[in-house]
Protein backbone atom coordinates (compact mmCIF):
# COMPACT_ATOMS: atom_id res chain seq x y z
CA UNK A 1 7.65 24.93 -2.22
CA UNK A 2 10.23 22.34 -3.22
CA UNK A 3 9.10 21.46 -6.70
CA UNK A 4 8.63 21.52 -9.72
CA UNK A 5 12.13 20.43 -10.48
CA UNK A 6 14.83 22.13 -12.49
CA UNK A 7 15.15 21.50 -16.23
CA UNK A 8 18.16 19.20 -15.91
CA UNK A 9 16.29 17.13 -13.32
CA UNK A 10 13.17 17.05 -15.48
CA UNK A 11 15.21 15.53 -18.29
CA UNK A 12 15.82 12.57 -15.99
CA UNK A 13 12.09 11.80 -16.02
CA UNK A 14 12.31 10.70 -19.64
CA UNK A 15 13.12 7.08 -20.39
CA UNK A 16 13.79 4.78 -23.30
CA UNK A 17 11.08 4.54 -25.93
CA UNK A 18 9.65 1.20 -26.99
CA UNK A 19 11.30 -0.24 -30.11
CA UNK A 20 9.45 0.82 -33.27
CA UNK A 21 7.23 -1.62 -35.10
CA UNK A 22 5.84 -3.44 -32.08
CA UNK A 23 2.18 -4.33 -32.02
CA UNK A 24 -0.11 -3.35 -29.17
CA UNK A 25 0.41 -6.50 -27.08
CA UNK A 26 4.15 -6.53 -27.76
CA UNK A 27 4.39 -2.89 -26.67
CA UNK A 28 2.60 -3.68 -23.41
CA UNK A 29 4.91 -6.65 -22.86
CA UNK A 30 7.93 -4.40 -23.43
CA UNK A 31 6.48 -1.81 -21.04
CA UNK A 32 5.96 -4.43 -18.33
CA UNK A 33 9.63 -5.34 -18.55
CA UNK A 34 10.66 -1.67 -18.62
CA UNK A 35 8.65 0.08 -15.88
CA UNK A 36 8.71 3.87 -15.51
CA UNK A 37 11.28 5.74 -13.48
CA UNK A 38 10.38 6.16 -9.81
CA UNK A 39 10.75 9.90 -9.02
CA UNK A 40 12.34 10.73 -5.67
CA UNK A 41 11.60 14.44 -5.38
CA UNK A 42 10.25 16.33 -2.39
CA UNK A 43 6.63 17.48 -2.59
CA UNK A 44 6.98 19.57 0.55
CA UNK A 45 4.64 22.56 0.61
CA UNK A 46 2.21 21.03 -1.87
CA UNK A 47 -1.41 20.01 -1.45
CA UNK A 48 -2.19 16.94 -3.55
CA UNK A 49 -5.66 15.54 -4.28
CA UNK A 50 -6.34 12.18 -5.91
CA UNK A 51 -9.64 10.59 -6.94
CA UNK A 52 -9.90 6.83 -6.92
CA UNK A 53 -7.37 6.91 -4.10
CA UNK A 54 -8.36 3.90 -2.01
CA UNK A 55 -7.07 1.22 -4.39
CA UNK A 56 -4.87 0.53 -7.40
CA UNK A 57 -2.61 3.18 -8.84
CA UNK A 58 -4.44 5.96 -7.00
CA UNK A 59 -3.63 4.36 -3.66
CA UNK A 60 -0.01 3.66 -4.63
CA UNK A 61 0.43 7.24 -5.84
CA UNK A 62 -0.99 8.53 -2.56
CA UNK A 63 1.59 6.46 -0.67
CA UNK A 64 4.36 7.99 -2.76
CA UNK A 65 3.15 11.56 -2.38
CA UNK A 66 2.99 11.08 1.40
CA UNK A 67 6.45 9.51 1.54
CA UNK A 68 7.79 12.44 -0.48
CA UNK A 69 6.46 14.94 2.02
CA UNK A 70 3.34 16.51 0.48
CA UNK A 71 1.74 18.97 2.90
CA UNK A 72 -1.64 17.32 2.48
CA UNK A 73 -2.64 14.21 0.57
CA UNK A 74 -6.38 14.29 0.02
CA UNK A 75 -7.99 10.93 -0.73
CA UNK A 76 -11.24 11.39 -2.65
CA UNK A 77 -13.21 8.16 -2.33
CA UNK A 78 -16.73 6.96 -2.94
CA UNK A 79 -16.94 4.91 0.27
CA UNK A 80 -15.62 6.58 3.41
CA UNK A 81 -15.00 3.26 5.16
CA UNK A 82 -12.66 2.19 2.37
CA UNK A 83 -11.05 5.61 2.40
CA UNK A 84 -10.25 5.42 6.10
CA UNK A 85 -8.88 1.91 5.64
CA UNK A 86 -6.63 3.23 2.87
CA UNK A 87 -5.55 6.11 5.10
CA UNK A 88 -4.58 3.64 7.84
CA UNK A 89 -2.58 1.53 5.39
CA UNK A 90 -0.83 4.59 3.96
CA UNK A 91 0.03 5.77 7.45
CA UNK A 92 1.48 2.35 8.28
CA UNK A 93 3.51 2.39 5.06
CA UNK A 94 4.81 5.92 5.50
CA UNK A 95 5.49 5.71 9.23
CA UNK A 96 5.04 7.97 12.23
CA UNK A 97 7.08 10.75 10.68
CA UNK A 98 4.14 11.70 8.45
CA UNK A 99 1.44 13.11 10.70
CA UNK A 100 -1.94 11.45 10.38
CA UNK A 101 -3.69 14.81 10.03
CA UNK A 102 -1.97 15.40 6.70
CA UNK A 103 -3.89 12.48 5.17
CA UNK A 104 -7.42 13.70 4.48
CA UNK A 105 -10.30 11.42 3.47
CA UNK A 106 -13.19 13.07 1.63
CA UNK A 107 -16.28 11.55 0.04
CA UNK A 108 -16.80 11.84 -3.70
CA UNK A 109 -19.38 9.88 -5.70
CA UNK A 110 -18.60 10.30 -9.39
CA UNK A 111 -22.03 8.92 -10.30
CA UNK A 112 -23.62 12.11 -9.02
CA UNK A 113 -22.95 15.70 -10.14
CA UNK A 114 -24.28 16.92 -6.79
CA UNK A 115 -21.65 14.92 -4.93
CA UNK A 116 -18.94 16.35 -7.17
CA UNK A 117 -20.10 19.88 -6.45
CA UNK A 118 -20.27 19.27 -2.70
CA UNK A 119 -16.81 17.74 -2.77
CA UNK A 120 -15.35 20.76 -4.55
CA UNK A 121 -16.87 23.07 -1.93
CA UNK A 122 -15.50 20.97 0.94
CA UNK A 123 -12.10 20.77 -0.72
CA UNK A 124 -11.97 24.56 -0.97
CA UNK A 125 -12.58 24.77 2.77
CA UNK A 126 -9.92 22.14 3.45
CA UNK A 127 -7.06 23.72 1.49
CA UNK A 128 -7.98 27.33 2.25
CA UNK A 129 -5.77 30.11 0.96
CA UNK A 130 -3.02 27.64 0.04
CA UNK A 131 -5.10 26.27 -2.79
CA UNK A 132 -4.28 23.06 -4.60
CA UNK A 133 -0.99 22.34 -6.34
CA UNK A 134 -1.65 18.87 -7.81
CA UNK A 135 -4.98 17.28 -8.76
CA UNK A 136 -4.98 13.77 -10.20
CA UNK A 137 -8.34 12.70 -11.61
CA UNK A 138 -7.87 8.97 -11.57
CA UNK A 139 -11.28 7.54 -10.66
CA UNK A 140 -12.65 5.34 -13.40
CA UNK A 141 -14.78 2.28 -14.11
CA UNK A 142 -14.88 -0.37 -16.82
CA UNK A 143 -18.34 -1.97 -16.57
CA UNK A 144 -18.91 -5.32 -18.22
CA UNK A 145 -22.53 -4.62 -19.10
CA UNK A 146 -24.60 -1.57 -19.95
CA UNK A 147 -25.84 0.37 -16.93
CA UNK A 148 -26.80 3.94 -16.16
CA UNK A 149 -26.03 6.29 -13.28
CA UNK A 150 -29.35 6.52 -11.45
CA UNK A 151 -28.91 10.19 -10.55
CA UNK A 152 -28.24 11.36 -14.12
CA UNK A 153 -29.39 8.76 -16.64
CA UNK A 154 -26.05 8.70 -18.42
CA UNK A 155 -24.32 5.41 -19.18
CA UNK A 156 -22.14 4.66 -16.16
CA UNK A 157 -18.69 4.87 -17.74
CA UNK A 158 -19.65 8.05 -19.62
CA UNK A 159 -20.81 9.55 -16.33
CA UNK A 160 -17.82 8.57 -14.19
CA UNK A 161 -14.95 8.61 -16.66
CA UNK A 162 -15.98 11.65 -18.68
CA UNK A 163 -18.82 13.87 -17.49
CA UNK A 164 -18.15 13.91 -13.75
CA UNK A 165 -14.42 14.02 -14.40
CA UNK A 166 -14.82 17.05 -16.66
CA UNK A 167 -17.21 18.70 -14.19
CA UNK A 168 -14.77 18.13 -11.32
CA UNK A 169 -11.94 19.58 -13.39
CA UNK A 170 -13.95 22.74 -14.07
CA UNK A 171 -14.77 23.04 -10.35
CA UNK A 172 -11.10 22.58 -9.39
CA UNK A 173 -9.59 25.13 -11.76
CA UNK A 174 -10.07 28.09 -9.34
CA UNK A 175 -8.37 26.12 -6.55
CA UNK A 176 -5.50 25.17 -8.84
CA UNK A 177 -5.09 28.76 -10.02
CA UNK A 178 -5.04 29.83 -6.37
CA UNK A 179 -2.43 27.17 -5.68
CA UNK A 180 -0.13 28.61 -8.33
CA UNK A 181 -0.36 32.24 -7.15
CA UNK A 182 3.01 33.59 -6.13
CA UNK A 183 4.70 30.40 -7.24
CA UNK A 184 7.43 30.07 -9.83
CA UNK A 185 5.75 27.06 -11.42
CA UNK A 186 2.12 26.28 -12.32
CA UNK A 187 -0.24 23.88 -10.60
CA UNK A 188 -0.88 20.51 -12.23
CA UNK A 189 -4.18 18.96 -13.33
CA UNK A 190 -3.67 15.38 -14.47
CA UNK A 191 -6.18 12.97 -16.01
CA UNK A 192 -5.60 9.23 -16.06
CA UNK A 193 -6.02 8.01 -19.62
CA UNK A 194 -5.15 5.08 -21.85
CA UNK A 195 -2.77 5.02 -24.79
CA UNK A 196 -5.01 2.33 -26.29
CA UNK A 197 -7.63 5.02 -26.98
CA UNK A 198 -5.95 5.46 -30.37
CA UNK A 199 -7.59 2.18 -31.40
CA UNK A 200 -11.13 3.59 -31.20
CA UNK A 201 -10.75 6.87 -33.07
CA UNK A 202 -13.00 5.53 -35.85
CA UNK A 203 -15.65 4.29 -33.42
CA UNK A 204 -17.05 7.62 -32.30
CA UNK A 205 -20.35 8.19 -34.13
CA UNK A 206 -20.22 11.35 -36.20
CA UNK A 207 -23.28 11.10 -38.47
CA UNK A 208 -25.62 11.77 -35.56
CA UNK A 209 -27.18 14.94 -34.12
CA UNK A 210 -25.50 14.47 -30.72
CA UNK A 211 -22.43 12.32 -30.12
CA UNK A 212 -22.92 11.87 -26.37
CA UNK A 213 -26.55 10.84 -26.76
CA UNK A 214 -25.55 8.29 -29.40
CA UNK A 215 -22.87 6.86 -27.11
CA UNK A 216 -25.44 6.74 -24.32
CA UNK A 217 -27.63 4.24 -26.17
CA UNK A 218 -27.51 0.58 -25.04
CA UNK A 219 -26.71 -0.62 -28.56
CA UNK A 220 -23.57 1.53 -28.57
CA UNK A 221 -22.12 -0.21 -25.52
CA UNK A 222 -19.21 -2.63 -25.74
CA UNK A 223 -17.12 -3.29 -22.60
CA UNK A 224 -13.65 -2.69 -24.02
CA UNK A 225 -14.55 -0.27 -26.78
CA UNK A 226 -16.78 1.94 -24.65
CA UNK A 227 -14.11 2.18 -21.95
CA UNK A 228 -11.49 3.25 -24.48
CA UNK A 229 -13.89 5.76 -26.04
CA UNK A 230 -14.29 7.39 -22.63
CA UNK A 231 -10.51 7.66 -22.41
CA UNK A 232 -10.40 9.27 -25.85
CA UNK A 233 -13.02 11.76 -24.68
CA UNK A 234 -10.77 12.57 -21.70
CA UNK A 235 -8.16 13.77 -24.20
CA UNK A 236 -10.86 15.95 -25.76
CA UNK A 237 -11.67 17.32 -22.30
CA UNK A 238 -8.03 18.21 -21.69
CA UNK A 239 -7.83 20.20 -24.91
CA UNK A 240 -11.21 21.83 -24.34
CA UNK A 241 -10.25 23.01 -20.86
CA UNK A 242 -7.04 24.50 -22.21
CA UNK A 243 -8.84 26.30 -25.05
CA UNK A 244 -11.74 27.61 -22.96
CA UNK A 245 -10.25 28.27 -19.55
CA UNK A 246 -6.47 28.54 -19.77
CA UNK A 247 -5.51 30.77 -22.67
CA UNK A 248 -2.72 32.94 -21.25
CA UNK A 249 -1.06 35.98 -22.85
CA UNK A 250 2.17 35.14 -24.64
CA UNK A 251 4.21 36.94 -22.00
CA UNK A 252 2.58 35.11 -19.09
CA UNK A 253 2.82 31.59 -17.79
CA UNK A 254 -0.35 29.51 -17.83
CA UNK A 255 -1.36 29.11 -14.16
CA UNK A 256 -2.44 25.47 -14.53
CA UNK A 257 -0.77 22.77 -16.58
CA UNK A 258 -3.16 20.08 -17.83
CA UNK A 259 -2.02 16.70 -19.08
CA UNK A 260 -3.21 13.13 -19.60
CA UNK A 261 -1.14 10.22 -18.34
CA UNK A 262 -1.37 6.54 -19.19
CA UNK A 263 0.09 4.30 -16.44
CA UNK A 264 0.38 1.40 -18.85
CA UNK A 265 -1.36 -1.95 -18.65
CA UNK A 266 -1.55 -2.22 -14.87
CA UNK A 267 -2.84 -4.97 -12.61
CA UNK A 268 -5.61 -3.32 -10.58
CA UNK A 269 -9.25 -4.01 -9.67
CA UNK A 270 -10.54 -2.01 -12.65
CA UNK A 271 -11.94 -5.20 -14.19
CA UNK A 272 -14.01 -5.97 -11.08
CA UNK A 273 -17.30 -5.43 -12.91
CA UNK A 274 -16.49 -7.59 -15.93
CA UNK A 275 -18.00 -11.02 -16.53
CA UNK A 276 -16.06 -14.15 -15.59
CA UNK A 277 -14.95 -14.86 -19.21
CA UNK A 278 -13.82 -11.25 -19.56
CA UNK A 279 -11.93 -11.40 -16.27
CA UNK A 280 -10.25 -14.62 -17.41
CA UNK A 281 -8.87 -12.84 -20.45
CA UNK A 282 -7.75 -10.00 -18.22
CA UNK A 283 -5.97 -12.40 -15.86
CA UNK A 284 -4.04 -13.88 -18.78
CA UNK A 285 -3.13 -10.39 -19.95
CA UNK A 286 -2.06 -9.49 -16.42
CA UNK A 287 0.32 -12.43 -16.32
CA UNK A 288 1.80 -11.68 -19.73
CA UNK A 289 2.11 -7.91 -19.80
CA UNK A 290 0.80 -6.44 -16.56
CA UNK A 291 2.63 -3.87 -14.48
CA UNK A 292 2.10 -3.69 -10.75
CA UNK A 293 -0.04 -0.86 -9.43
CA UNK A 294 3.06 0.60 -7.79
CA UNK A 295 4.88 0.67 -11.12
CA UNK A 296 1.91 2.26 -12.85
CA UNK A 297 1.59 4.92 -10.16
CA UNK A 298 5.09 6.17 -10.93
CA UNK A 299 3.76 7.80 -14.09
CA UNK A 300 1.28 9.86 -12.06
CA UNK A 301 4.13 11.32 -10.03
CA UNK A 302 6.40 11.96 -12.98
CA UNK A 303 3.55 13.68 -14.84
CA UNK A 304 3.14 16.05 -11.89
CA UNK A 305 6.82 16.99 -12.22
CA UNK A 306 6.81 17.90 -15.92
CA UNK A 307 5.85 21.53 -15.39
CA UNK A 308 4.90 23.60 -18.42
CA UNK A 309 6.55 21.04 -20.70
CA UNK A 310 3.60 18.73 -20.08
CA UNK A 311 0.85 21.20 -20.97
CA UNK A 312 -1.62 19.62 -23.36
CA UNK A 313 0.50 16.49 -23.65
CA UNK A 314 -0.08 12.76 -23.25
CA UNK A 315 2.50 11.14 -20.95
CA UNK A 316 3.21 7.41 -20.91
CA UNK A 317 6.21 5.15 -20.40
CA UNK A 318 8.33 8.17 -19.46
CA UNK A 319 7.74 9.86 -22.81
CA UNK A 320 5.20 12.01 -24.60
CA UNK A 321 2.89 10.13 -26.95
CA UNK A 322 2.10 11.92 -30.20
CA UNK A 323 -1.65 11.69 -30.70
CA UNK A 324 -1.66 12.51 -34.39
CA UNK A 325 -5.43 12.19 -34.81
CA UNK A 326 -6.04 15.21 -32.58
CA UNK A 327 -3.88 17.45 -34.75
CA UNK A 328 -5.69 16.86 -38.04
CA UNK A 329 -8.42 19.24 -39.18
CA UNK A 330 -10.99 16.45 -38.93
CA UNK A 331 -9.77 15.44 -35.48
CA UNK A 332 -9.85 19.01 -34.19
CA UNK A 333 -13.36 19.50 -35.53
CA UNK A 334 -14.59 16.37 -33.75
CA UNK A 335 -12.80 17.32 -30.54
CA UNK A 336 -14.42 20.77 -30.53
CA UNK A 337 -17.84 19.28 -31.21
CA UNK A 338 -17.66 16.63 -28.50
CA UNK A 339 -16.11 19.02 -25.99
CA UNK A 340 -18.97 21.49 -26.51
CA UNK A 341 -21.46 18.74 -25.71
CA UNK A 342 -19.53 17.74 -22.58
CA UNK A 343 -19.10 21.34 -21.46
CA UNK A 344 -22.79 22.11 -21.96
CA UNK A 345 -23.75 19.16 -19.74
CA UNK A 346 -21.31 20.31 -17.07
CA UNK A 347 -22.27 23.98 -17.10
CA UNK A 348 -25.90 23.08 -16.41
CA UNK A 349 -24.73 21.58 -13.11
CA UNK A 350 -22.79 24.62 -11.85
C-alpha cells in the first residue's frame, strides 16, 4: 500500500493560515483566493468509498482518487442512474488506463436506516478481506423548508446529515479496522463538515428533556441555522465514535483515524432545495467567495493523508481548526449528552 505518506511529505499538506482578524465573509473570500493544496500521492492498494459521490465535491474527489490509482473507488449514491452517469464521466476523465471495474456504483439512501444497513452489508461483500482504507461521508442536504424523512419521521437534514451518517459510520468501523490490519498506518474515516458551525454553538437547545427531539420540531427549523447545527453535531459524532469505539492502549496505534473536514465555501448543488430568494443570495456569495468543487475536493484528499495526526481534528484550508467550544467543560458535557442521544437512535437500528 503506497500511502499514508511520510512525515516530511505530510508537512507539505499544510498551507498558509488566513490573516487574523478577518470576519466570516472576509475569511471565505481569502480562502477562495487561496485554494487548498492539490495532493499528488498514489492511493494504490487502497479501497476508497465516498457518499454523495455523483456530484459536487464528492464527484471531484472520486475523480482524484481514481486518477491517483485507488484499487477501488466506490460511489455511494441515492439514484443509481445518476451514479452510473458519474461513473461514465469519471472514466472519461481518468482515461482507459483506469479499468472500469475499479469504479463501483452502489445504492445508498440516507433517508432510510434500512438502506444504510443494506449498503454496509453489500460493501462488506464488495471489499472482502481487503477491507476499507478510506471512507468519506460526504452526503448532505440543506433543505429550504421543514420536511421529514418519511421512513423515520426525523427532520430531513437531521436524518441525512447526522443520524444516517452516524449510523453508517458505526456500520463501517469493522470494515475500516479490517482495512488497517497488517498495515503500518490506520484507515481513515472522514466526515464533511463546516467551519461555520462555530456560529451556532449557542443555538442548540439545552433546557429540554431531549435535544434531538427539540431540534426535530418544525418551530426549531431555520434553513441556514439548522444546516449548521447538523454540522456541529457531526463534530459531536466524531468525538463520540472515538470515545466509545476507538480507545486504544497507549502502546498501540488506533486502527481508524476519524476527522472532520471543511472544504470551504464551495460552489455545488447543495442549495438546490432552497427557495429562489435564498438561492439568489447563494449565487451572490458564490460569485464573491466561492471555491470550485474541484478546489473544495482537495481537502478531502489531504485529510485522508494526515494519518494519526488528524485523529479527532477538524481540517480546513490546509490547517487544523481549533474548536475551542468542544474543549470546555460545558462543551464536553453537551457533546456527551447529544452523542448519547444520537448513538441510542443508531443502536436501535443495528
